[in-house]
Amino acid sequence: MTLYADLHRHLGGSVVPRILWRYFHRQNPELAQRFPEYPEFEEFYTRSRNTLDEYLELHTLVESVQTIETLPYFIYRLIRGAHIFENMAYLELRYTPYLRTSEELSQSERIDQMAQIVEIVGKASQVNEYPIVTSQILCMHSRLPYEVNKAIVDLAAGSKEYVCAVDLAGGDAHYAERLDEFVGLYKYARSLGLKTTGHLYETTDGCYPELLPYLMRIGHGIQIPLKHPELLKEVRELGQCLEVCPTTYLKTGTLDDIRQLKVVFDRCFDAGVDIAICTDNAGLHNVRLQFEYENLLTYDIIGFEQLQACQDAAFHHAFAWPHPQRPTSLLTGLLQTGAKQPVGVNNQ
């Protein structure tokens, strides 16, 4: 059995449509009335959008119901599905904790409440019957004020039991007017010993080379091989990995055809740049991680050797995976030496 790692999955986009619709009908009469029948809801929830900004608006629908009280409900089902249906060994969940706090509170009170959110997500992710190594990536947000984003960095630094890195989200086209601010926040994060990734070079409007030196991985990054291949040497020298989420680019209108990704993979492999294949929003897309791999194979974007290289890269670049190898490699070695079980995978 092949075990998988997903390095780029949003908490808001992880809720599959059936579970979200059932929650509406059990707990939220207003949303249940808005979406009375499941087929219509699934079509609305999973259809492609024209732009990344339009696509990101869907996250607000889920964020509105992911509260202190309900987060364990959603996370349990997320972990269960990842274990049973995706053979997941390692999962990094990313989200903006501020957007799960109570809107009735003041900004300072919401900042204080973020620590409770992180603890709830951390504890809810530890499900004994579905053993997956998990960690959190806390997302700064392009639409949030500096004070909140700095508090997110500080919270990440003080919550290393649950948090492995910080990110910057909210649509990469919106960074430009605050670019110096975000560079400063990434410098600050690195000074605190935090690992870093960031939504960057996803769209043609989101290309900021000023941020690249501060990232350990690049969220998406597909415009580097597509439009700025001269940067691939720098990416390789920095040891960065692209977190490529194939279905996302069709859902956001960033690409017209999945086969456009062949250039991304070919140029990265030629340049020695690692790619980890990820889901981004598995629930929102209704596409699980194995099918991201399968689609790339079906359309001859990658071959099986490249598939294995991407699987290996995901574990190699995982911020909190406790071993240098992926579990299948560990299992082979352990069987050869007579050991019974991969440490850190099935005994957490």
Protein backbone atom coordinates (compact mmCIF):
# COMPACT_ATOMS: atom_id res chain seq x y z
CA MET A 1 0.00 0.00 0.00
CA THR A 2 1.39 3.38 -1.01
CA LEU A 3 1.15 6.01 1.70
CA TYR A 4 0.78 9.67 0.80
CA ALA A 5 1.70 13.10 2.13
CA ASP A 6 -0.22 16.28 1.36
CA LEU A 7 1.71 19.47 2.05
CA HIS A 8 -0.88 21.98 0.84
CA ARG A 9 -4.42 21.47 2.09
CA HIS A 10 -6.63 24.23 3.43
CA LEU A 11 -8.80 23.53 6.44
CA GLY A 12 -11.66 25.48 4.89
CA GLY A 13 -11.46 23.68 1.56
CA SER A 14 -11.07 20.22 3.09
CA VAL A 15 -14.74 19.67 3.93
CA VAL A 16 -16.29 17.46 1.29
CA PRO A 17 -19.62 18.75 -0.05
CA ARG A 18 -21.80 15.96 1.36
CA ILE A 19 -20.52 16.48 4.92
CA LEU A 20 -20.92 20.25 4.66
CA TRP A 21 -24.45 19.97 3.28
CA ARG A 22 -25.43 17.51 6.04
CA TYR A 23 -24.05 19.89 8.64
CA PHE A 24 -26.18 22.71 7.23
CA HIS A 25 -29.29 20.57 7.49
CA ARG A 26 -28.53 19.39 11.00
CA GLN A 27 -27.22 22.58 12.56
CA ASN A 28 -27.76 25.65 10.38
CA PRO A 29 -31.36 26.27 9.26
CA GLU A 30 -30.46 29.42 7.32
CA LEU A 31 -27.92 27.64 5.11
CA ALA A 32 -30.14 24.56 4.90
CA GLN A 33 -32.89 26.74 3.46
CA ARG A 34 -30.43 28.29 1.02
CA PHE A 35 -29.32 24.83 -0.18
CA PRO A 36 -32.37 22.53 0.22
CA GLU A 37 -31.23 19.80 -2.19
CA TYR A 38 -27.81 18.16 -2.25
CA PRO A 39 -27.22 17.87 -6.05
CA GLU A 40 -27.71 21.61 -6.49
CA PHE A 41 -25.38 22.34 -3.58
CA GLU A 42 -22.65 20.05 -4.91
CA GLU A 43 -22.84 21.71 -8.32
CA PHE A 44 -22.59 25.17 -6.73
CA TYR A 45 -19.80 24.18 -4.36
CA THR A 46 -17.53 22.33 -6.79
CA ARG A 47 -18.00 24.17 -10.10
CA SER A 48 -15.17 26.15 -11.66
CA ARG A 49 -14.91 29.89 -11.08
CA ASN A 50 -13.67 32.60 -13.44
CA THR A 51 -10.95 34.04 -11.21
CA LEU A 52 -8.96 33.18 -8.12
CA ASP A 53 -10.70 35.93 -6.13
CA GLU A 54 -14.12 34.55 -7.04
CA TYR A 55 -12.94 31.07 -6.06
CA LEU A 56 -11.60 32.25 -2.70
CA GLU A 57 -15.00 33.65 -1.77
CA LEU A 58 -16.15 30.06 -1.28
CA HIS A 59 -13.81 29.78 1.69
CA THR A 60 -15.91 32.33 3.56
CA LEU A 61 -18.88 29.96 3.41
CA VAL A 62 -16.95 27.27 5.30
CA GLU A 63 -15.08 29.66 7.60
CA SER A 64 -18.42 30.98 8.81
CA VAL A 65 -19.34 27.58 10.26
CA GLN A 66 -15.85 26.47 11.43
CA THR A 67 -16.04 27.83 14.96
CA ILE A 68 -14.58 26.86 18.33
CA GLU A 69 -17.59 24.60 18.88
CA THR A 70 -17.69 22.94 15.45
CA LEU A 71 -14.03 22.55 14.46
CA PRO A 72 -13.69 19.10 16.12
CA TYR A 73 -16.72 17.89 14.13
CA PHE A 74 -15.20 18.90 10.80
CA ILE A 75 -11.64 17.84 11.59
CA TYR A 76 -12.61 14.36 12.76
CA ARG A 77 -14.34 13.73 9.43
CA LEU A 78 -11.43 15.23 7.53
CA ILE A 79 -8.91 12.92 9.25
CA ARG A 80 -11.19 9.92 8.87
CA GLY A 81 -11.55 10.48 5.14
CA ALA A 82 -7.83 11.15 4.64
CA HIS A 83 -6.95 7.88 6.38
CA ILE A 84 -9.61 5.60 4.88
CA PHE A 85 -9.89 6.95 1.35
CA GLU A 86 -6.47 8.54 0.71
CA ASN A 87 -4.00 6.32 2.59
CA MET A 88 -2.59 9.49 4.10
CA ALA A 89 0.44 9.14 6.34
CA TYR A 90 1.22 12.85 6.70
CA LEU A 91 -0.95 15.93 6.40
CA GLU A 92 -0.25 19.63 6.85
CA LEU A 93 -3.42 21.65 7.39
CA ARG A 94 -3.23 25.36 6.72
CA TYR A 95 -5.68 28.07 7.67
CA THR A 96 -5.96 31.59 9.08
CA PRO A 97 -6.83 31.19 12.79
CA TYR A 98 -8.18 34.74 13.06
CA LEU A 99 -10.97 33.84 10.60
CA ARG A 100 -12.20 31.10 12.98
CA THR A 101 -12.56 33.45 15.95
CA SER A 102 -15.81 35.07 17.02
CA GLU A 103 -16.73 38.15 14.99
CA GLU A 104 -18.51 39.51 18.07
CA LEU A 105 -15.17 40.13 19.77
CA SER A 106 -12.82 43.08 19.36
CA GLN A 107 -9.68 42.67 17.27
CA SER A 108 -7.48 42.26 20.34
CA GLU A 109 -9.88 39.70 21.82
CA ARG A 110 -9.95 37.79 18.55
CA ILE A 111 -6.14 37.79 18.50
CA ASP A 112 -6.16 36.31 22.00
CA GLN A 113 -8.69 33.67 20.96
CA MET A 114 -6.47 32.43 18.12
CA ALA A 115 -4.38 30.35 20.55
CA GLN A 116 -7.51 28.44 21.55
CA ILE A 117 -8.27 27.75 17.89
CA VAL A 118 -4.78 26.33 17.30
CA GLU A 119 -5.07 24.08 20.34
CA ILE A 120 -8.51 22.82 19.29
CA VAL A 121 -7.30 22.03 15.76
CA GLY A 122 -4.18 20.34 17.14
CA LYS A 123 -6.02 18.11 19.59
CA ALA A 124 -8.86 17.31 17.18
CA SER A 125 -6.32 16.17 14.56
CA GLN A 126 -4.99 13.45 16.87
CA VAL A 127 -7.46 10.65 16.19
CA ASN A 128 -6.27 7.30 17.55
CA GLU A 129 -8.28 5.12 15.18
CA TYR A 130 -7.02 7.09 12.15
CA PRO A 131 -3.29 7.56 12.81
CA ILE A 132 -1.92 10.30 10.59
CA VAL A 133 1.04 12.52 11.40
CA THR A 134 -0.41 16.04 11.22
CA SER A 135 0.76 19.59 11.72
CA GLN A 136 -0.61 23.07 11.15
CA ILE A 137 0.53 25.91 8.92
CA LEU A 138 -0.83 29.27 10.08
CA CYS A 139 -1.68 31.63 7.25
CA MET A 140 -1.15 35.34 7.34
CA HIS A 141 -3.72 36.96 5.07
CA SER A 142 -3.42 39.70 2.45
CA ARG A 143 -6.72 41.26 3.65
CA LEU A 144 -5.84 41.34 7.36
CA PRO A 145 -4.05 44.24 9.10
CA TYR A 146 -0.38 44.08 10.04
CA GLU A 147 -1.15 43.68 13.76
CA VAL A 148 -3.15 40.51 13.13
CA ASN A 149 -0.60 39.02 10.75
CA LYS A 150 2.25 39.67 13.18
CA ALA A 151 0.21 38.06 15.95
CA ILE A 152 -0.22 34.99 13.71
CA VAL A 153 3.56 34.74 13.34
CA ASP A 154 4.03 35.13 17.10
CA LEU A 155 1.39 32.48 17.75
CA ALA A 156 3.11 30.06 15.35
CA ALA A 157 6.43 30.58 17.12
CA GLY A 158 4.82 29.89 20.48
CA SER A 159 2.82 26.85 19.36
CA LYS A 160 5.44 24.55 17.88
CA GLU A 161 3.73 21.55 19.48
CA TYR A 162 1.01 22.00 16.85
CA VAL A 163 2.42 24.39 14.22
CA CYS A 164 5.20 23.69 11.74
CA ALA A 165 5.25 26.84 9.56
CA VAL A 166 3.66 30.10 8.46
CA ASP A 167 2.15 30.97 5.09
CA LEU A 168 0.74 34.00 3.30
CA ALA A 169 -2.67 33.57 1.66
CA GLY A 170 -5.61 35.62 0.46
CA GLY A 171 -4.84 35.86 -3.25
CA ASP A 172 -1.33 36.61 -4.50
CA ALA A 173 -2.48 39.51 -6.68
CA HIS A 174 -3.13 41.55 -3.51
CA TYR A 175 0.41 41.57 -2.11
CA ALA A 176 1.83 44.40 -4.20
CA GLU A 177 0.79 47.44 -2.15
CA ARG A 178 2.02 45.82 1.08
CA LEU A 179 5.02 43.95 -0.26
CA ASP A 180 7.57 45.54 2.09
CA GLU A 181 5.32 44.67 5.01
CA PHE A 182 5.11 41.01 4.00
CA VAL A 183 8.86 40.82 3.40
CA GLY A 184 9.34 42.16 6.92
CA LEU A 185 6.94 39.61 8.39
CA TYR A 186 8.75 36.76 6.66
CA LYS A 187 12.11 38.06 7.91
CA TYR A 188 10.62 38.18 11.39
CA ALA A 189 9.27 34.64 11.08
CA ARG A 190 12.66 33.31 9.98
CA SER A 191 14.33 35.14 12.89
CA LEU A 192 12.04 33.19 15.24
CA GLY A 193 13.15 29.91 13.72
CA LEU A 194 9.88 29.32 11.86
CA LYS A 195 9.63 27.42 8.62
CA THR A 196 7.97 29.25 5.76
CA THR A 197 5.89 28.75 2.67
CA GLY A 198 3.71 31.20 0.76
CA HIS A 199 1.11 31.45 -1.98
CA LEU A 200 3.26 32.89 -4.72
CA TYR A 201 3.56 32.73 -8.52
CA GLU A 202 0.17 31.02 -8.65
CA THR A 203 -1.26 33.61 -11.04
CA THR A 204 0.43 35.93 -13.50
CA ASP A 205 -0.48 38.83 -11.16
CA GLY A 206 1.18 37.22 -8.15
CA CYS A 207 4.84 37.15 -9.15
CA TYR A 208 7.04 38.78 -6.51
CA PRO A 209 10.71 37.73 -6.61
CA GLU A 210 11.29 39.87 -3.52
CA LEU A 211 9.57 37.23 -1.38
CA LEU A 212 11.35 34.18 -2.79
CA PRO A 213 14.50 34.33 -0.60
CA TYR A 214 12.41 34.02 2.58
CA LEU A 215 10.46 30.91 1.57
CA MET A 216 11.45 27.30 2.20
CA ARG A 217 8.65 26.04 -0.06
CA ILE A 218 6.52 27.84 -2.64
CA GLY A 219 2.75 27.48 -2.55
CA HIS A 220 1.86 26.71 -6.18
CA GLY A 221 4.69 28.57 -7.95
CA ILE A 222 3.58 27.35 -11.39
CA GLN A 223 4.23 30.71 -13.07
CA ILE A 224 7.95 30.29 -12.37
CA PRO A 225 8.44 27.47 -14.91
CA LEU A 226 5.65 28.81 -17.15
CA LYS A 227 6.57 32.51 -17.34
CA HIS A 228 9.83 33.00 -15.42
CA PRO A 229 11.99 29.89 -16.03
CA GLU A 230 15.11 31.98 -15.42
CA LEU A 231 14.24 31.78 -11.70
CA LEU A 232 14.41 27.98 -11.59
CA LYS A 233 18.14 28.03 -10.88
CA GLU A 234 17.56 30.23 -7.82
CA VAL A 235 14.72 27.98 -6.65
CA ARG A 236 16.97 24.94 -6.93
CA GLU A 237 19.86 26.64 -5.12
CA LEU A 238 17.53 27.64 -2.28
CA GLY A 239 16.37 24.03 -2.00
CA GLN A 240 12.76 25.07 -2.46
CA CYS A 241 9.91 22.79 -3.51
CA LEU A 242 6.84 23.79 -5.50
CA GLU A 243 3.50 22.77 -3.97
CA VAL A 244 1.59 22.08 -7.18
CA CYS A 245 -2.18 21.60 -6.86
CA PRO A 246 -3.38 20.55 -10.34
CA THR A 247 -7.17 20.76 -10.02
CA THR A 248 -7.00 24.22 -8.45
CA TYR A 249 -5.78 25.89 -11.62
CA LEU A 250 -8.80 24.63 -13.56
CA LYS A 251 -11.23 25.65 -10.81
CA THR A 252 -9.78 29.18 -10.58
CA GLY A 253 -9.48 29.86 -14.30
CA THR A 254 -5.69 30.12 -13.98
CA LEU A 255 -5.24 27.41 -16.63
CA ASP A 256 -7.60 26.33 -19.39
CA ASP A 257 -6.35 22.76 -19.67
CA ILE A 258 -4.56 20.49 -17.20
CA ARG A 259 -2.12 19.54 -19.96
CA GLN A 260 -0.58 23.00 -19.65
CA LEU A 261 1.08 21.64 -16.52
CA LYS A 262 3.36 19.43 -18.60
CA VAL A 263 5.64 22.43 -19.14
CA VAL A 264 5.71 22.99 -15.38
CA PHE A 265 6.81 19.44 -14.61
CA ASP A 266 9.22 19.11 -17.54
CA ARG A 267 11.04 22.36 -16.79
CA CYS A 268 11.22 21.68 -13.06
CA PHE A 269 12.59 18.18 -13.52
CA ASP A 270 15.10 19.43 -16.08
CA ALA A 271 16.23 22.15 -13.65
CA GLY A 272 16.40 19.82 -10.64
CA VAL A 273 13.52 21.55 -8.82
CA ASP A 274 11.33 19.36 -6.62
CA ILE A 275 7.54 19.25 -6.93
CA ALA A 276 5.13 17.97 -4.30
CA ILE A 277 1.69 17.20 -5.71
CA CYS A 278 -1.04 18.48 -3.38
CA THR A 279 -4.81 18.90 -3.25
CA ASP A 280 -5.15 22.49 -1.96
CA ASN A 281 -8.91 22.13 -1.38
CA ALA A 282 -9.77 18.44 -1.67
CA GLY A 283 -13.34 18.90 -0.46
CA LEU A 284 -14.06 21.96 -2.52
CA HIS A 285 -12.84 20.14 -5.63
CA ASN A 286 -14.26 16.74 -4.65
CA VAL A 287 -10.90 15.34 -5.83
CA ARG A 288 -8.70 13.34 -3.46
CA LEU A 289 -4.92 13.21 -3.63
CA GLN A 290 -4.58 9.90 -5.50
CA PHE A 291 -6.75 11.27 -8.27
CA GLU A 292 -4.49 14.29 -8.64
CA TYR A 293 -1.68 11.83 -9.39
CA GLU A 294 -3.90 9.71 -11.62
CA ASN A 295 -5.06 12.68 -13.68
CA LEU A 296 -1.47 13.74 -14.30
CA LEU A 297 -0.66 10.23 -15.50
CA THR A 298 -3.79 9.96 -17.63
CA TYR A 299 -2.96 13.13 -19.53
CA ASP A 300 0.72 12.13 -19.96
CA ILE A 301 1.88 15.10 -17.93
CA ILE A 302 4.13 12.87 -15.81
CA GLY A 303 5.29 9.25 -15.98
CA PHE A 304 5.55 6.74 -13.16
CA GLU A 305 9.18 7.63 -12.37
CA GLN A 306 8.20 11.28 -12.01
CA LEU A 307 5.21 10.24 -9.90
CA GLN A 308 7.51 8.45 -7.48
CA ALA A 309 9.87 11.43 -7.43
CA CYS A 310 6.96 13.71 -6.48
CA GLN A 311 5.85 11.30 -3.75
CA ASP A 312 9.38 11.25 -2.36
CA ALA A 313 9.63 15.05 -2.58
CA ALA A 314 6.46 15.47 -0.52
CA PHE A 315 7.96 13.56 2.41
CA HIS A 316 11.42 15.05 1.94
CA HIS A 317 10.09 18.62 2.12
CA ALA A 318 7.45 17.98 4.81
CA PHE A 319 8.01 20.42 7.65
CA ALA A 320 7.13 17.99 10.47
CA TRP A 321 7.59 14.50 9.04
CA PRO A 322 9.95 12.76 11.47
CA HIS A 323 11.88 10.70 8.91
CA PRO A 324 13.92 11.53 5.77
CA GLN A 325 12.08 8.86 3.74
CA ARG A 326 8.48 8.26 2.79
CA PRO A 327 6.73 5.40 4.62
CA THR A 328 6.93 2.86 1.79
CA SER A 329 10.72 3.26 1.73
CA LEU A 330 10.79 2.97 5.51
CA LEU A 331 8.62 -0.14 5.41
CA THR A 332 10.92 -1.86 2.92
CA GLY A 333 13.96 -1.14 5.08
CA LEU A 334 12.24 -2.22 8.27
CA LEU A 335 11.06 -5.50 6.75
CA GLN A 336 14.60 -6.23 5.60
CA THR A 337 15.88 -5.71 9.16
CA GLY A 338 13.03 -7.59 10.80
CA ALA A 339 11.32 -4.60 12.40
CA LYS A 340 7.54 -4.80 12.69
CA GLN A 341 6.24 -1.28 12.24
CA PRO A 342 7.33 2.11 10.81
CA VAL A 343 7.92 4.41 13.77
CA GLY A 344 5.89 7.62 13.61
CA VAL A 345 3.39 6.40 11.02
CA ASN A 346 1.10 3.79 12.57
CA ASN A 347 1.92 4.16 16.24
CA GLN A 348 1.24 7.81 16.91
